[in-house]
Amino acid sequence: MRRPLRTRIRRTSGPSLELVGNWTALNPSDRVVIYRGDTATASGSVDLRSPAGSVFWILQAGGQGRVMIHKADGVAVYRRTGHSAPPGILSSLR
């Protein structure tokens, strides 16, 4: 089953998350959460994106360093659209 290119997840508290299917839409300082399956594996802000959008780097939250994300990694990238920290598992990745 294919996921739609853009979806929006609303939580009762915390920000909304918007699936980013086209990584060329990512901009420096966008706050993102990376999912592998149903598990959030990283979060932070976009540092740099390749012109083709096949790879980008994030500065991970909580001083966890910089990490490269590649399309071949098989992850889903969600952009945070709100201003407050999300609850649950996402807050543990701050």
PDB file of N, CA and C in Angstrom:
ATOM      1  N   MET A   1       0.837  -1.177   0.000  1.00  0.00           N
ATOM      2  CA  MET A   1       0.000   0.000   0.000  1.00  0.00           C
ATOM      3  C   MET A   1       0.883   1.241   0.000  1.00  0.00           C
ATOM      4  N   ARG A   2       0.652   2.146  -0.899  1.00  0.00           N
ATOM      5  CA  ARG A   2       1.454   3.363  -0.999  1.00  0.00           C
ATOM      6  C   ARG A   2       0.868   4.454  -0.129  1.00  0.00           C
ATOM      7  N   ARG A   3       1.754   5.218   0.489  1.00  0.00           N
ATOM      8  CA  ARG A   3       1.322   6.371   1.276  1.00  0.00           C
ATOM      9  C   ARG A   3       1.083   7.546   0.347  1.00  0.00           C
ATOM     10  N   PRO A   4       0.145   8.414   0.694  1.00  0.00           N
ATOM     11  CA  PRO A   4      -0.025   9.621  -0.123  1.00  0.00           C
ATOM     12  C   PRO A   4       1.209  10.501  -0.006  1.00  0.00           C
ATOM     13  N   LEU A   5       1.450  11.315  -1.021  1.00  0.00           N
ATOM     14  CA  LEU A   5       2.634  12.166  -1.012  1.00  0.00           C
ATOM     15  C   LEU A   5       2.621  13.181   0.120  1.00  0.00           C
ATOM     16  N   ARG A   6       1.471  13.688   0.477  1.00  0.00           N
ATOM     17  CA  ARG A   6       1.410  14.674   1.553  1.00  0.00           C
ATOM     18  C   ARG A   6       0.239  14.333   2.454  1.00  0.00           C
ATOM     19  N   THR A   7       0.532  14.094   3.702  1.00  0.00           N
ATOM     20  CA  THR A   7      -0.519  13.895   4.693  1.00  0.00           C
ATOM     21  C   THR A   7      -0.205  14.783   5.881  1.00  0.00           C
ATOM     22  N   ARG A   8      -1.182  14.993   6.695  1.00  0.00           N
ATOM     23  CA  ARG A   8      -0.993  15.812   7.877  1.00  0.00           C
ATOM     24  C   ARG A   8      -1.505  15.027   9.070  1.00  0.00           C
ATOM     25  N   ILE A   9      -0.692  14.931  10.108  1.00  0.00           N
ATOM     26  CA  ILE A   9      -1.062  14.229  11.327  1.00  0.00           C
ATOM     27  C   ILE A   9      -1.332  15.283  12.384  1.00  0.00           C
ATOM     28  N   ARG A  10      -2.499  15.231  12.985  1.00  0.00           N
ATOM     29  CA  ARG A  10      -2.841  16.170  14.064  1.00  0.00           C
ATOM     30  C   ARG A  10      -2.845  15.431  15.378  1.00  0.00           C
ATOM     31  N   ARG A  11      -2.275  16.037  16.390  1.00  0.00           N
ATOM     32  CA  ARG A  11      -2.301  15.496  17.734  1.00  0.00           C
ATOM     33  C   ARG A  11      -3.087  16.483  18.588  1.00  0.00           C
ATOM     34  N   THR A  12      -3.626  16.004  19.708  1.00  0.00           N
ATOM     35  CA  THR A  12      -4.383  16.902  20.566  1.00  0.00           C
ATOM     36  C   THR A  12      -3.473  17.929  21.225  1.00  0.00           C
ATOM     37  N   SER A  13      -2.221  17.577  21.435  1.00  0.00           N
ATOM     38  CA  SER A  13      -1.247  18.554  21.917  1.00  0.00           C
ATOM     39  C   SER A  13       0.017  18.381  21.095  1.00  0.00           C
ATOM     40  N   GLY A  14       0.734  19.451  20.902  1.00  0.00           N
ATOM     41  CA  GLY A  14       1.935  19.384  20.095  1.00  0.00           C
ATOM     42  C   GLY A  14       1.661  19.791  18.657  1.00  0.00           C
ATOM     43  N   PRO A  15       2.705  19.800  17.832  1.00  0.00           N
ATOM     44  CA  PRO A  15       2.564  20.281  16.465  1.00  0.00           C
ATOM     45  C   PRO A  15       1.980  19.228  15.531  1.00  0.00           C
ATOM     46  N   SER A  16       1.606  19.671  14.366  1.00  0.00           N
ATOM     47  CA  SER A  16       1.205  18.769  13.303  1.00  0.00           C
ATOM     48  C   SER A  16       2.450  18.305  12.574  1.00  0.00           C
ATOM     49  N   LEU A  17       2.368  17.144  11.964  1.00  0.00           N
ATOM     50  CA  LEU A  17       3.452  16.626  11.142  1.00  0.00           C
ATOM     51  C   LEU A  17       2.935  16.441   9.733  1.00  0.00           C
ATOM     52  N   GLU A  18       3.705  16.909   8.768  1.00  0.00           N
ATOM     53  CA  GLU A  18       3.326  16.823   7.366  1.00  0.00           C
ATOM     54  C   GLU A  18       4.338  15.944   6.641  1.00  0.00           C
ATOM     55  N   LEU A  19       3.876  14.869   6.000  1.00  0.00           N
ATOM     56  CA  LEU A  19       4.755  13.988   5.241  1.00  0.00           C
ATOM     57  C   LEU A  19       5.342  14.750   4.068  1.00  0.00           C
ATOM     58  N   VAL A  20       6.659  14.662   3.916  1.00  0.00           N
ATOM     59  CA  VAL A  20       7.344  15.317   2.808  1.00  0.00           C
ATOM     60  C   VAL A  20       7.793  14.224   1.834  1.00  0.00           C
ATOM     61  N   GLY A  21       7.049  14.050   0.763  1.00  0.00           N
ATOM     62  CA  GLY A  21       7.383  13.032  -0.225  1.00  0.00           C
ATOM     63  C   GLY A  21       8.454  13.495  -1.202  1.00  0.00           C
ATOM     64  N   ASN A  22       8.457  14.781  -1.505  1.00  0.00           N
ATOM     65  CA  ASN A  22       9.434  15.366  -2.417  1.00  0.00           C
ATOM     66  C   ASN A  22      10.450  16.137  -1.582  1.00  0.00           C
ATOM     67  N   TRP A  23      11.623  15.567  -1.398  1.00  0.00           N
ATOM     68  CA  TRP A  23      12.611  16.163  -0.503  1.00  0.00           C
ATOM     69  C   TRP A  23      13.189  17.472  -1.027  1.00  0.00           C
ATOM     70  N   THR A  24      12.952  17.825  -2.281  1.00  0.00           N
ATOM     71  CA  THR A  24      13.405  19.137  -2.752  1.00  0.00           C
ATOM     72  C   THR A  24      12.605  20.252  -2.088  1.00  0.00           C
ATOM     73  N   ALA A  25      11.500  19.896  -1.426  1.00  0.00           N
ATOM     74  CA  ALA A  25      10.684  20.877  -0.705  1.00  0.00           C
ATOM     75  C   ALA A  25      11.256  21.190   0.675  1.00  0.00           C
ATOM     76  N   LEU A  26      12.280  20.446   1.107  1.00  0.00           N
ATOM     77  CA  LEU A  26      12.900  20.708   2.412  1.00  0.00           C
ATOM     78  C   LEU A  26      13.824  21.913   2.310  1.00  0.00           C
ATOM     79  N   ASN A  27      13.788  22.735   3.342  1.00  0.00           N
ATOM     80  CA  ASN A  27      14.626  23.934   3.391  1.00  0.00           C
ATOM     81  C   ASN A  27      15.464  23.927   4.660  1.00  0.00           C
ATOM     82  N   PRO A  28      16.625  24.571   4.617  1.00  0.00           N
ATOM     83  CA  PRO A  28      17.430  24.675   5.834  1.00  0.00           C
ATOM     84  C   PRO A  28      16.598  25.229   6.982  1.00  0.00           C
ATOM     85  N   SER A  29      16.782  24.661   8.131  1.00  0.00           N
ATOM     86  CA  SER A  29      16.125  24.986   9.404  1.00  0.00           C
ATOM     87  C   SER A  29      14.718  24.405   9.528  1.00  0.00           C
ATOM     88  N   ASP A  30      14.188  23.715   8.494  1.00  0.00           N
ATOM     89  CA  ASP A  30      12.920  23.005   8.668  1.00  0.00           C
ATOM     90  C   ASP A  30      13.102  21.975   9.776  1.00  0.00           C
ATOM     91  N   ARG A  31      12.146  21.898  10.677  1.00  0.00           N
ATOM     92  CA  ARG A  31      12.188  20.904  11.750  1.00  0.00           C
ATOM     93  C   ARG A  31      11.528  19.630  11.243  1.00  0.00           C
ATOM     94  N   VAL A  32      12.259  18.512  11.315  1.00  0.00           N
ATOM     95  CA  VAL A  32      11.775  17.255  10.755  1.00  0.00           C
ATOM     96  C   VAL A  32      11.873  16.120  11.765  1.00  0.00           C
ATOM     97  N   VAL A  33      11.066  15.094  11.513  1.00  0.00           N
ATOM     98  CA  VAL A  33      11.121  13.839  12.259  1.00  0.00           C
ATOM     99  C   VAL A  33      11.257  12.737  11.222  1.00  0.00           C
ATOM    100  N   ILE A  34      12.209  11.838  11.421  1.00  0.00           N
ATOM    101  CA  ILE A  34      12.478  10.743  10.498  1.00  0.00           C
ATOM    102  C   ILE A  34      11.883   9.463  11.071  1.00  0.00           C
ATOM    103  N   TYR A  35      11.092   8.785  10.259  1.00  0.00           N
ATOM    104  CA  TYR A  35      10.474   7.520  10.668  1.00  0.00           C
ATOM    105  C   TYR A  35      10.996   6.378   9.818  1.00  0.00           C
ATOM    106  N   ARG A  36      11.273   5.269  10.455  1.00  0.00           N
ATOM    107  CA  ARG A  36      11.546   4.004   9.781  1.00  0.00           C
ATOM    108  C   ARG A  36      10.411   3.092  10.210  1.00  0.00           C
ATOM    109  N   GLY A  37       9.497   2.802   9.301  1.00  0.00           N
ATOM    110  CA  GLY A  37       8.284   2.086   9.672  1.00  0.00           C
ATOM    111  C   GLY A  37       7.437   2.977  10.564  1.00  0.00           C
ATOM    112  N   ASP A  38       7.028   2.455  11.706  1.00  0.00           N
ATOM    113  CA  ASP A  38       6.215   3.227  12.648  1.00  0.00           C
ATOM    114  C   ASP A  38       7.037   3.834  13.778  1.00  0.00           C
ATOM    115  N   THR A  39       8.353   3.779  13.664  1.00  0.00           N
ATOM    116  CA  THR A  39       9.225   4.240  14.742  1.00  0.00           C
ATOM    117  C   THR A  39       9.977   5.508  14.350  1.00  0.00           C
ATOM    118  N   ALA A  40       9.871   6.535  15.198  1.00  0.00           N
ATOM    119  CA  ALA A  40      10.656   7.750  14.993  1.00  0.00           C
ATOM    120  C   ALA A  40      12.097   7.437  15.367  1.00  0.00           C
ATOM    121  N   THR A  41      13.011   7.618  14.408  1.00  0.00           N
ATOM    122  CA  THR A  41      14.412   7.275  14.650  1.00  0.00           C
ATOM    123  C   THR A  41      15.311   8.486  14.848  1.00  0.00           C
ATOM    124  N   ALA A  42      14.870   9.659  14.400  1.00  0.00           N
ATOM    125  CA  ALA A  42      15.679  10.872  14.559  1.00  0.00           C
ATOM    126  C   ALA A  42      14.783  12.087  14.405  1.00  0.00           C
ATOM    127  N   SER A  43      15.225  13.189  14.966  1.00  0.00           N
ATOM    128  CA  SER A  43      14.552  14.469  14.754  1.00  0.00           C
ATOM    129  C   SER A  43      15.578  15.574  14.856  1.00  0.00           C
ATOM    130  N   GLY A  44      15.254  16.697  14.266  1.00  0.00           N
ATOM    131  CA  GLY A  44      16.160  17.833  14.303  1.00  0.00           C
ATOM    132  C   GLY A  44      15.779  18.827  13.230  1.00  0.00           C
ATOM    133  N   SER A  45      16.759  19.626  12.806  1.00  0.00           N
ATOM    134  CA  SER A  45      16.489  20.628  11.778  1.00  0.00           C
ATOM    135  C   SER A  45      17.364  20.352  10.559  1.00  0.00           C
ATOM    136  N   VAL A  46      16.800  20.616   9.389  1.00  0.00           N
ATOM    137  CA  VAL A  46      17.531  20.403   8.142  1.00  0.00           C
ATOM    138  C   VAL A  46      18.716  21.358   8.109  1.00  0.00           C
ATOM    139  N   ASP A  47      19.883  20.803   7.814  1.00  0.00           N
ATOM    140  CA  ASP A  47      21.101  21.597   7.708  1.00  0.00           C
ATOM    141  C   ASP A  47      21.383  21.929   6.248  1.00  0.00           C
ATOM    142  N   LEU A  48      21.332  20.900   5.393  1.00  0.00           N
ATOM    143  CA  LEU A  48      21.682  21.061   3.989  1.00  0.00           C
ATOM    144  C   LEU A  48      20.969  19.992   3.182  1.00  0.00           C
ATOM    145  N   ARG A  49      20.574  20.313   1.942  1.00  0.00           N
ATOM    146  CA  ARG A  49      19.914  19.364   1.051  1.00  0.00           C
ATOM    147  C   ARG A  49      20.609  19.390  -0.292  1.00  0.00           C
ATOM    148  N   SER A  50      20.762  18.223  -0.916  1.00  0.00           N
ATOM    149  CA  SER A  50      21.337  18.178  -2.264  1.00  0.00           C
ATOM    150  C   SER A  50      20.345  18.793  -3.249  1.00  0.00           C
ATOM    151  N   PRO A  51      20.827  19.366  -4.346  1.00  0.00           N
ATOM    152  CA  PRO A  51      19.924  19.980  -5.324  1.00  0.00           C
ATOM    153  C   PRO A  51      18.878  19.001  -5.866  1.00  0.00           C
ATOM    154  N   ALA A  52      19.242  17.743  -6.046  1.00  0.00           N
ATOM    155  CA  ALA A  52      18.303  16.748  -6.575  1.00  0.00           C
ATOM    156  C   ALA A  52      17.322  16.261  -5.519  1.00  0.00           C
ATOM    157  N   GLY A  53      17.604  16.529  -4.252  1.00  0.00           N
ATOM    158  CA  GLY A  53      16.714  16.125  -3.175  1.00  0.00           C
ATOM    159  C   GLY A  53      16.799  14.660  -2.800  1.00  0.00           C
ATOM    160  N   SER A  54      17.834  13.962  -3.223  1.00  0.00           N
ATOM    161  CA  SER A  54      17.958  12.542  -2.881  1.00  0.00           C
ATOM    162  C   SER A  54      18.648  12.334  -1.539  1.00  0.00           C
ATOM    163  N   VAL A  55      19.263  13.380  -1.031  1.00  0.00           N
ATOM    164  CA  VAL A  55      19.975  13.294   0.243  1.00  0.00           C
ATOM    165  C   VAL A  55      19.890  14.642   0.952  1.00  0.00           C
ATOM    166  N   PHE A  56      19.819  14.583   2.297  1.00  0.00           N
ATOM    167  CA  PHE A  56      19.900  15.810   3.085  1.00  0.00           C
ATOM    168  C   PHE A  56      20.519  15.478   4.434  1.00  0.00           C
ATOM    169  N   TRP A  57      20.958  16.489   5.132  1.00  0.00           N
ATOM    170  CA  TRP A  57      21.573  16.336   6.436  1.00  0.00           C
ATOM    171  C   TRP A  57      20.720  17.042   7.473  1.00  0.00           C
ATOM    172  N   ILE A  58      20.614  16.456   8.655  1.00  0.00           N
ATOM    173  CA  ILE A  58      19.930  17.142   9.748  1.00  0.00           C
ATOM    174  C   ILE A  58      20.879  17.289  10.923  1.00  0.00           C
ATOM    175  N   LEU A  59      20.703  18.378  11.628  1.00  0.00           N
ATOM    176  CA  LEU A  59      21.351  18.572  12.920  1.00  0.00           C
ATOM    177  C   LEU A  59      20.376  18.019  13.929  1.00  0.00           C
ATOM    178  N   GLN A  60      20.726  16.883  14.532  1.00  0.00           N
ATOM    179  CA  GLN A  60      19.799  16.203  15.422  1.00  0.00           C
ATOM    180  C   GLN A  60      19.569  16.992  16.704  1.00  0.00           C
ATOM    181  N   ALA A  61      18.368  16.894  17.193  1.00  0.00           N
ATOM    182  CA  ALA A  61      17.989  17.548  18.437  1.00  0.00           C
ATOM    183  C   ALA A  61      18.768  16.948  19.601  1.00  0.00           C
ATOM    184  N   GLY A  62      18.932  17.722  20.636  1.00  0.00           N
ATOM    185  CA  GLY A  62      19.587  17.234  21.852  1.00  0.00           C
ATOM    186  C   GLY A  62      21.083  17.029  21.725  1.00  0.00           C
ATOM    187  N   GLY A  63      21.705  17.697  20.748  1.00  0.00           N
ATOM    188  CA  GLY A  63      23.154  17.591  20.608  1.00  0.00           C
ATOM    189  C   GLY A  63      23.637  16.233  20.121  1.00  0.00           C
ATOM    190  N   GLN A  64      22.806  15.524  19.376  1.00  0.00           N
ATOM    191  CA  GLN A  64      23.156  14.181  18.904  1.00  0.00           C
ATOM    192  C   GLN A  64      23.997  14.188  17.631  1.00  0.00           C
ATOM    193  N   GLY A  65      24.384  15.364  17.160  1.00  0.00           N
ATOM    194  CA  GLY A  65      25.249  15.453  15.985  1.00  0.00           C
ATOM    195  C   GLY A  65      24.484  15.569  14.676  1.00  0.00           C
ATOM    196  N   ARG A  66      25.246  15.526  13.608  1.00  0.00           N
ATOM    197  CA  ARG A  66      24.706  15.681  12.260  1.00  0.00           C
ATOM    198  C   ARG A  66      24.594  14.301  11.628  1.00  0.00           C
ATOM    199  N   VAL A  67      23.522  14.083  10.870  1.00  0.00           N
ATOM    200  CA  VAL A  67      23.320  12.789  10.223  1.00  0.00           C
ATOM    201  C   VAL A  67      22.819  13.003   8.802  1.00  0.00           C
ATOM    202  N   MET A  68      23.291  12.126   7.882  1.00  0.00           N
ATOM    203  CA  MET A  68      22.864  12.184   6.497  1.00  0.00           C
ATOM    204  C   MET A  68      21.704  11.213   6.292  1.00  0.00           C
ATOM    205  N   ILE A  69      20.676  11.676   5.589  1.00  0.00           N
ATOM    206  CA  ILE A  69      19.511  10.858   5.264  1.00  0.00           C
ATOM    207  C   ILE A  69      19.470  10.724   3.746  1.00  0.00           C
ATOM    208  N   HIS A  70      19.358   9.486   3.262  1.00  0.00           N
ATOM    209  CA  HIS A  70      19.340   9.222   1.823  1.00  0.00           C
ATOM    210  C   HIS A  70      18.038   8.526   1.445  1.00  0.00           C
ATOM    211  N   LYS A  71      17.533   8.804   0.254  1.00  0.00           N
ATOM    212  CA  LYS A  71      16.286   8.173  -0.204  1.00  0.00           C
ATOM    213  C   LYS A  71      16.347   6.657  -0.088  1.00  0.00           C
ATOM    214  N   ALA A  72      17.504   6.062  -0.353  1.00  0.00           N
ATOM    215  CA  ALA A  72      17.663   4.606  -0.300  1.00  0.00           C
ATOM    216  C   ALA A  72      17.547   4.058   1.123  1.00  0.00           C
ATOM    217  N   ASP A  73      17.549   4.941   2.137  1.00  0.00           N
ATOM    218  CA  ASP A  73      17.412   4.492   3.530  1.00  0.00           C
ATOM    219  C   ASP A  73      16.014   3.957   3.819  1.00  0.00           C
ATOM    220  N   GLY A  74      15.059   4.255   2.954  1.00  0.00           N
ATOM    221  CA  GLY A  74      13.696   3.762   3.135  1.00  0.00           C
ATOM    222  C   GLY A  74      12.967   4.372   4.320  1.00  0.00           C
ATOM    223  N   VAL A  75      13.183   5.666   4.541  1.00  0.00           N
ATOM    224  CA  VAL A  75      12.548   6.350   5.664  1.00  0.00           C
ATOM    225  C   VAL A  75      11.466   7.294   5.165  1.00  0.00           C
ATOM    226  N   ALA A  76      10.588   7.683   6.067  1.00  0.00           N
ATOM    227  CA  ALA A  76       9.589   8.714   5.794  1.00  0.00           C
ATOM    228  C   ALA A  76      10.003   9.964   6.552  1.00  0.00           C
ATOM    229  N   VAL A  77       9.912  11.096   5.894  1.00  0.00           N
ATOM    230  CA  VAL A  77      10.312  12.370   6.494  1.00  0.00           C
ATOM    231  C   VAL A  77       9.066  13.218   6.718  1.00  0.00           C
ATOM    232  N   TYR A  78       8.890  13.645   7.960  1.00  0.00           N
ATOM    233  CA  TYR A  78       7.769  14.508   8.329  1.00  0.00           C
ATOM    234  C   TYR A  78       8.305  15.850   8.794  1.00  0.00           C
ATOM    235  N   ARG A  79       7.716  16.908   8.289  1.00  0.00           N
ATOM    236  CA  ARG A  79       8.082  18.267   8.706  1.00  0.00           C
ATOM    237  C   ARG A  79       7.122  18.698   9.807  1.00  0.00           C
ATOM    238  N   ARG A  80       7.674  19.271  10.875  1.00  0.00           N
ATOM    239  CA  ARG A  80       6.845  19.805  11.952  1.00  0.00           C
ATOM    240  C   ARG A  80       6.261  21.125  11.501  1.00  0.00           C
ATOM    241  N   THR A  81       4.959  21.283  11.715  1.00  0.00           N
ATOM    242  CA  THR A  81       4.297  22.509  11.286  1.00  0.00           C
ATOM    243  C   THR A  81       3.835  23.357  12.452  1.00  0.00           C
ATOM    244  N   GLY A  82       3.971  22.867  13.689  1.00  0.00           N
ATOM    245  CA  GLY A  82       3.562  23.626  14.870  1.00  0.00           C
ATOM    246  C   GLY A  82       4.764  24.189  15.595  1.00  0.00           C
ATOM    247  N   HIS A  83       4.514  24.775  16.750  1.00  0.00           N
ATOM    248  CA  HIS A  83       5.586  25.429  17.488  1.00  0.00           C
ATOM    249  C   HIS A  83       5.946  24.748  18.795  1.00  0.00           C
ATOM    250  N   SER A  84       5.069  23.927  19.339  1.00  0.00           N
ATOM    251  CA  SER A  84       5.383  23.309  20.622  1.00  0.00           C
ATOM    252  C   SER A  84       5.920  21.902  20.426  1.00  0.00           C
ATOM    253  N   ALA A  85       6.564  21.370  21.433  1.00  0.00           N
ATOM    254  CA  ALA A  85       7.157  20.034  21.344  1.00  0.00           C
ATOM    255  C   ALA A  85       6.068  18.970  21.365  1.00  0.00           C
ATOM    256  N   PRO A  86       6.199  17.920  20.544  1.00  0.00           N
ATOM    257  CA  PRO A  86       5.200  16.866  20.523  1.00  0.00           C
ATOM    258  C   PRO A  86       5.294  15.949  21.722  1.00  0.00           C
ATOM    259  N   PRO A  87       4.211  15.301  22.079  1.00  0.00           N
ATOM    260  CA  PRO A  87       4.220  14.396  23.225  1.00  0.00           C
ATOM    261  C   PRO A  87       4.782  13.035  22.869  1.00  0.00           C
ATOM    262  N   GLY A  88       4.961  12.204  23.876  1.00  0.00           N
ATOM    263  CA  GLY A  88       5.319  10.803  23.673  1.00  0.00           C
ATOM    264  C   GLY A  88       6.700  10.597  23.102  1.00  0.00           C
ATOM    265  N   ILE A  89       6.802   9.677  22.156  1.00  0.00           N
ATOM    266  CA  ILE A  89       8.080   9.274  21.606  1.00  0.00           C
ATOM    267  C   ILE A  89       8.829  10.423  20.953  1.00  0.00           C
ATOM    268  N   LEU A  90       8.118  11.344  20.307  1.00  0.00           N
ATOM    269  CA  LEU A  90       8.799  12.434  19.639  1.00  0.00           C
ATOM    270  C   LEU A  90       9.491  13.354  20.626  1.00  0.00           C
ATOM    271  N   SER A  91       8.907  13.564  21.800  1.00  0.00           N
ATOM    272  CA  SER A  91       9.554  14.436  22.773  1.00  0.00           C
ATOM    273  C   SER A  91      10.840  13.813  23.303  1.00  0.00           C
ATOM    274  N   SER A  92      10.941  12.493  23.260  1.00  0.00           N
ATOM    275  CA  SER A  92      12.166  11.835  23.717  1.00  0.00           C
ATOM    276  C   SER A  92      13.302  12.052  22.735  1.00  0.00           C
ATOM    277  N   LEU A  93      12.999  12.498  21.505  1.00  0.00           N
ATOM    278  CA  LEU A  93      14.024  12.735  20.499  1.00  0.00           C
ATOM    279  C   LEU A  93      14.465  14.185  20.421  1.00  0.00           C
ATOM    280  N   ARG A  94      13.923  15.034  21.294  1.00  0.00           N
ATOM    281  CA  ARG A  94      14.304  16.451  21.269  1.00  0.00           C
ATOM    282  C   ARG A  94      15.754  16.640  21.589  1.00  0.00           C
TER     283      ARG A  94
END
